[in-house]
Amino acid sequence: MLNINNLRHDEIQNLTNDELHEAVALLENAQPSERQAQLLNRALDEIDEREQWQDEGQPDWAQEWEDFGEVYDDDPTYI
C-alpha cells in the first residue's frame, strides 16, 4: 500500500498506473493540506499526460518491433 505521507512531488512521475490511481484515491480522501493538494494536482496532471499519450493511437515499441522489426537491421549487409 502506498504511503502518501512519504510521497514526494518529484516521485509521482515514477509511479505505476496502479500506484498513481491509488495515490489519487488516498489524497482525495485525506485531510486537506496544502502539501496534499499539490500532490493530488500533480498526480492528476500525470494521469492526464499518460492518457494523452495513450490516446494518440500510436503503437507501443513492442508492437512496432513485431510489425517492422525486420526493417531495423543493426548490421545491414547491403551497405
N, C-alpha and C. Protein backbone atom coordinates (compact mmCIF):
# COMPACT_ATOMS: atom_id res chain seq x y z
N MET A 1 0.85 -1.18 0.00
CA MET A 1 0.00 0.00 0.00
C MET A 1 0.88 1.24 0.00
N LEU A 2 0.48 2.20 -0.75
CA LEU A 2 1.22 3.44 -0.91
C LEU A 2 1.07 4.32 0.33
N ASN A 3 2.17 4.90 0.78
CA ASN A 3 2.15 5.80 1.93
C ASN A 3 2.29 7.23 1.42
N ILE A 4 1.19 7.97 1.45
CA ILE A 4 1.21 9.34 0.91
C ILE A 4 1.95 10.30 1.82
N ASN A 5 2.18 9.92 3.07
CA ASN A 5 2.91 10.80 3.98
C ASN A 5 4.37 10.94 3.58
N ASN A 6 4.91 9.91 2.91
CA ASN A 6 6.30 9.94 2.49
C ASN A 6 6.46 10.26 1.00
N LEU A 7 5.35 10.43 0.31
CA LEU A 7 5.39 10.67 -1.13
C LEU A 7 5.87 12.08 -1.43
N ARG A 8 6.84 12.17 -2.34
CA ARG A 8 7.36 13.48 -2.74
C ARG A 8 6.81 13.85 -4.12
N HIS A 9 6.72 15.14 -4.36
CA HIS A 9 6.20 15.68 -5.62
C HIS A 9 6.96 15.11 -6.82
N ASP A 10 8.28 15.00 -6.71
CA ASP A 10 9.09 14.54 -7.84
C ASP A 10 9.04 13.03 -8.04
N GLU A 11 8.42 12.29 -7.13
CA GLU A 11 8.31 10.84 -7.28
C GLU A 11 7.06 10.42 -8.05
N ILE A 12 6.13 11.32 -8.21
CA ILE A 12 4.85 10.96 -8.82
C ILE A 12 5.01 10.42 -10.23
N GLN A 13 5.90 10.99 -11.00
CA GLN A 13 6.08 10.54 -12.38
C GLN A 13 6.63 9.12 -12.46
N ASN A 14 7.22 8.62 -11.38
CA ASN A 14 7.80 7.28 -11.38
C ASN A 14 6.84 6.21 -10.88
N LEU A 15 5.63 6.60 -10.47
CA LEU A 15 4.66 5.63 -10.00
C LEU A 15 4.07 4.85 -11.17
N THR A 16 3.72 3.60 -10.91
CA THR A 16 2.99 2.83 -11.92
C THR A 16 1.59 3.40 -12.02
N ASN A 17 0.86 3.01 -13.04
CA ASN A 17 -0.51 3.49 -13.19
C ASN A 17 -1.37 3.10 -11.99
N ASP A 18 -1.21 1.87 -11.50
CA ASP A 18 -1.99 1.44 -10.33
C ASP A 18 -1.63 2.27 -9.10
N GLU A 19 -0.34 2.51 -8.88
CA GLU A 19 0.09 3.32 -7.75
C GLU A 19 -0.41 4.75 -7.87
N LEU A 20 -0.41 5.26 -9.09
CA LEU A 20 -0.87 6.62 -9.33
C LEU A 20 -2.35 6.77 -8.99
N HIS A 21 -3.16 5.82 -9.43
CA HIS A 21 -4.59 5.87 -9.13
C HIS A 21 -4.84 5.64 -7.64
N GLU A 22 -4.03 4.81 -7.00
CA GLU A 22 -4.14 4.62 -5.56
C GLU A 22 -3.81 5.92 -4.82
N ALA A 23 -2.77 6.61 -5.28
CA ALA A 23 -2.38 7.88 -4.66
C ALA A 23 -3.51 8.90 -4.78
N VAL A 24 -4.14 8.98 -5.93
CA VAL A 24 -5.24 9.92 -6.13
C VAL A 24 -6.38 9.59 -5.17
N ALA A 25 -6.73 8.32 -5.05
CA ALA A 25 -7.82 7.92 -4.15
C ALA A 25 -7.48 8.27 -2.71
N LEU A 26 -6.24 8.00 -2.30
CA LEU A 26 -5.84 8.32 -0.93
C LEU A 26 -5.82 9.82 -0.68
N LEU A 27 -5.32 10.57 -1.64
CA LEU A 27 -5.23 12.02 -1.47
C LEU A 27 -6.60 12.68 -1.48
N GLU A 28 -7.51 12.15 -2.28
CA GLU A 28 -8.86 12.72 -2.32
C GLU A 28 -9.60 12.49 -1.00
N ASN A 29 -9.25 11.42 -0.30
CA ASN A 29 -9.93 11.09 0.95
C ASN A 29 -9.15 11.53 2.19
N ALA A 30 -8.01 12.16 2.01
CA ALA A 30 -7.18 12.58 3.13
C ALA A 30 -7.66 13.92 3.68
N GLN A 31 -7.21 14.22 4.88
CA GLN A 31 -7.47 15.54 5.44
C GLN A 31 -6.75 16.57 4.57
N PRO A 32 -7.46 17.60 4.14
CA PRO A 32 -6.83 18.55 3.21
C PRO A 32 -5.68 19.33 3.84
N SER A 33 -4.62 19.41 3.11
CA SER A 33 -3.49 20.25 3.47
C SER A 33 -2.91 20.79 2.17
N GLU A 34 -2.12 21.82 2.26
CA GLU A 34 -1.52 22.41 1.06
C GLU A 34 -0.64 21.39 0.33
N ARG A 35 0.14 20.65 1.09
CA ARG A 35 1.04 19.64 0.51
C ARG A 35 0.24 18.57 -0.22
N GLN A 36 -0.82 18.07 0.41
CA GLN A 36 -1.62 17.02 -0.21
C GLN A 36 -2.37 17.54 -1.43
N ALA A 37 -2.81 18.78 -1.39
CA ALA A 37 -3.47 19.37 -2.55
C ALA A 37 -2.50 19.46 -3.73
N GLN A 38 -1.25 19.84 -3.45
CA GLN A 38 -0.24 19.91 -4.51
C GLN A 38 0.06 18.52 -5.07
N LEU A 39 0.17 17.53 -4.18
CA LEU A 39 0.42 16.16 -4.64
C LEU A 39 -0.75 15.65 -5.49
N LEU A 40 -1.97 15.93 -5.05
CA LEU A 40 -3.14 15.50 -5.80
C LEU A 40 -3.16 16.14 -7.18
N ASN A 41 -2.92 17.44 -7.26
CA ASN A 41 -2.88 18.12 -8.56
C ASN A 41 -1.81 17.55 -9.46
N ARG A 42 -0.64 17.26 -8.90
CA ARG A 42 0.45 16.68 -9.69
C ARG A 42 0.09 15.29 -10.18
N ALA A 43 -0.54 14.49 -9.32
CA ALA A 43 -0.94 13.13 -9.71
C ALA A 43 -2.00 13.17 -10.80
N LEU A 44 -2.97 14.06 -10.68
CA LEU A 44 -4.00 14.19 -11.71
C LEU A 44 -3.40 14.68 -13.03
N ASP A 45 -2.44 15.59 -12.97
CA ASP A 45 -1.75 16.04 -14.19
C ASP A 45 -1.00 14.89 -14.84
N GLU A 46 -0.37 14.06 -14.04
CA GLU A 46 0.38 12.91 -14.57
C GLU A 46 -0.57 11.92 -15.25
N ILE A 47 -1.72 11.68 -14.64
CA ILE A 47 -2.71 10.79 -15.26
C ILE A 47 -3.16 11.36 -16.59
N ASP A 48 -3.47 12.66 -16.64
CA ASP A 48 -3.89 13.29 -17.89
C ASP A 48 -2.81 13.17 -18.96
N GLU A 49 -1.57 13.38 -18.57
CA GLU A 49 -0.46 13.29 -19.54
C GLU A 49 -0.33 11.88 -20.09
N ARG A 50 -0.41 10.89 -19.22
CA ARG A 50 -0.31 9.50 -19.67
C ARG A 50 -1.46 9.13 -20.58
N GLU A 51 -2.67 9.56 -20.24
CA GLU A 51 -3.83 9.26 -21.08
C GLU A 51 -3.72 9.95 -22.43
N GLN A 52 -3.15 11.13 -22.46
CA GLN A 52 -2.96 11.84 -23.72
C GLN A 52 -2.05 11.04 -24.65
N TRP A 53 -0.98 10.48 -24.10
CA TRP A 53 -0.07 9.69 -24.92
C TRP A 53 -0.74 8.41 -25.41
N GLN A 54 -1.59 7.82 -24.59
CA GLN A 54 -2.28 6.60 -24.98
C GLN A 54 -3.32 6.87 -26.06
N ASP A 55 -3.92 8.04 -26.04
CA ASP A 55 -4.99 8.36 -26.98
C ASP A 55 -4.49 8.73 -28.37
N GLU A 56 -3.21 8.83 -28.55
CA GLU A 56 -2.69 9.23 -29.86
C GLU A 56 -2.78 8.10 -30.89
N GLY A 57 -3.08 6.90 -30.44
CA GLY A 57 -3.23 5.80 -31.37
C GLY A 57 -1.92 5.23 -31.87
N GLN A 58 -0.82 5.66 -31.31
CA GLN A 58 0.48 5.14 -31.72
C GLN A 58 0.73 3.80 -31.05
N PRO A 59 1.27 2.84 -31.78
CA PRO A 59 1.59 1.56 -31.17
C PRO A 59 2.79 1.70 -30.23
N ASP A 60 2.84 0.83 -29.24
CA ASP A 60 4.00 0.85 -28.35
C ASP A 60 5.19 0.22 -29.08
N TRP A 61 6.36 0.29 -28.47
CA TRP A 61 7.57 -0.18 -29.14
C TRP A 61 7.49 -1.67 -29.44
N ALA A 62 6.85 -2.44 -28.57
CA ALA A 62 6.76 -3.89 -28.79
C ALA A 62 5.94 -4.19 -30.04
N GLN A 63 4.84 -3.47 -30.22
CA GLN A 63 4.03 -3.67 -31.42
C GLN A 63 4.78 -3.20 -32.65
N GLU A 64 5.48 -2.09 -32.54
CA GLU A 64 6.31 -1.60 -33.66
C GLU A 64 7.33 -2.66 -34.06
N TRP A 65 7.99 -3.24 -33.10
CA TRP A 65 9.03 -4.23 -33.40
C TRP A 65 8.42 -5.46 -34.04
N GLU A 66 7.26 -5.88 -33.53
CA GLU A 66 6.59 -7.04 -34.11
C GLU A 66 6.20 -6.78 -35.56
N ASP A 67 5.73 -5.57 -35.83
CA ASP A 67 5.28 -5.23 -37.18
C ASP A 67 6.43 -4.95 -38.14
N PHE A 68 7.47 -4.26 -37.65
CA PHE A 68 8.52 -3.77 -38.56
C PHE A 68 9.93 -4.14 -38.12
N GLY A 69 10.07 -5.07 -37.21
CA GLY A 69 11.37 -5.40 -36.65
C GLY A 69 12.41 -5.78 -37.69
N GLU A 70 11.98 -6.47 -38.72
CA GLU A 70 12.94 -6.88 -39.74
C GLU A 70 13.52 -5.70 -40.50
N VAL A 71 12.85 -4.56 -40.47
CA VAL A 71 13.34 -3.36 -41.15
C VAL A 71 14.50 -2.75 -40.38
N TYR A 72 14.50 -2.90 -39.06
CA TYR A 72 15.52 -2.29 -38.21
C TYR A 72 16.71 -3.23 -38.08
N ASP A 73 17.52 -3.29 -39.08
CA ASP A 73 18.68 -4.17 -39.09
C ASP A 73 19.89 -3.40 -38.61
N ASP A 74 20.50 -3.84 -37.50
CA ASP A 74 21.66 -3.16 -36.95
C ASP A 74 22.92 -3.39 -37.76
N ASP A 75 22.95 -4.44 -38.54
CA ASP A 75 24.15 -4.76 -39.32
C ASP A 75 23.74 -5.09 -40.75
N PRO A 76 23.32 -4.07 -41.49
CA PRO A 76 22.86 -4.35 -42.85
C PRO A 76 24.02 -4.80 -43.74
N THR A 77 23.74 -5.80 -44.57
CA THR A 77 24.79 -6.32 -45.46
C THR A 77 24.83 -5.57 -46.78
N TYR A 78 23.85 -4.75 -47.05
CA TYR A 78 23.79 -4.05 -48.33
C TYR A 78 24.55 -2.73 -48.35
N ILE A 79 25.15 -2.34 -47.24
CA ILE A 79 25.90 -1.08 -47.21
C ILE A 79 27.36 -1.35 -47.45
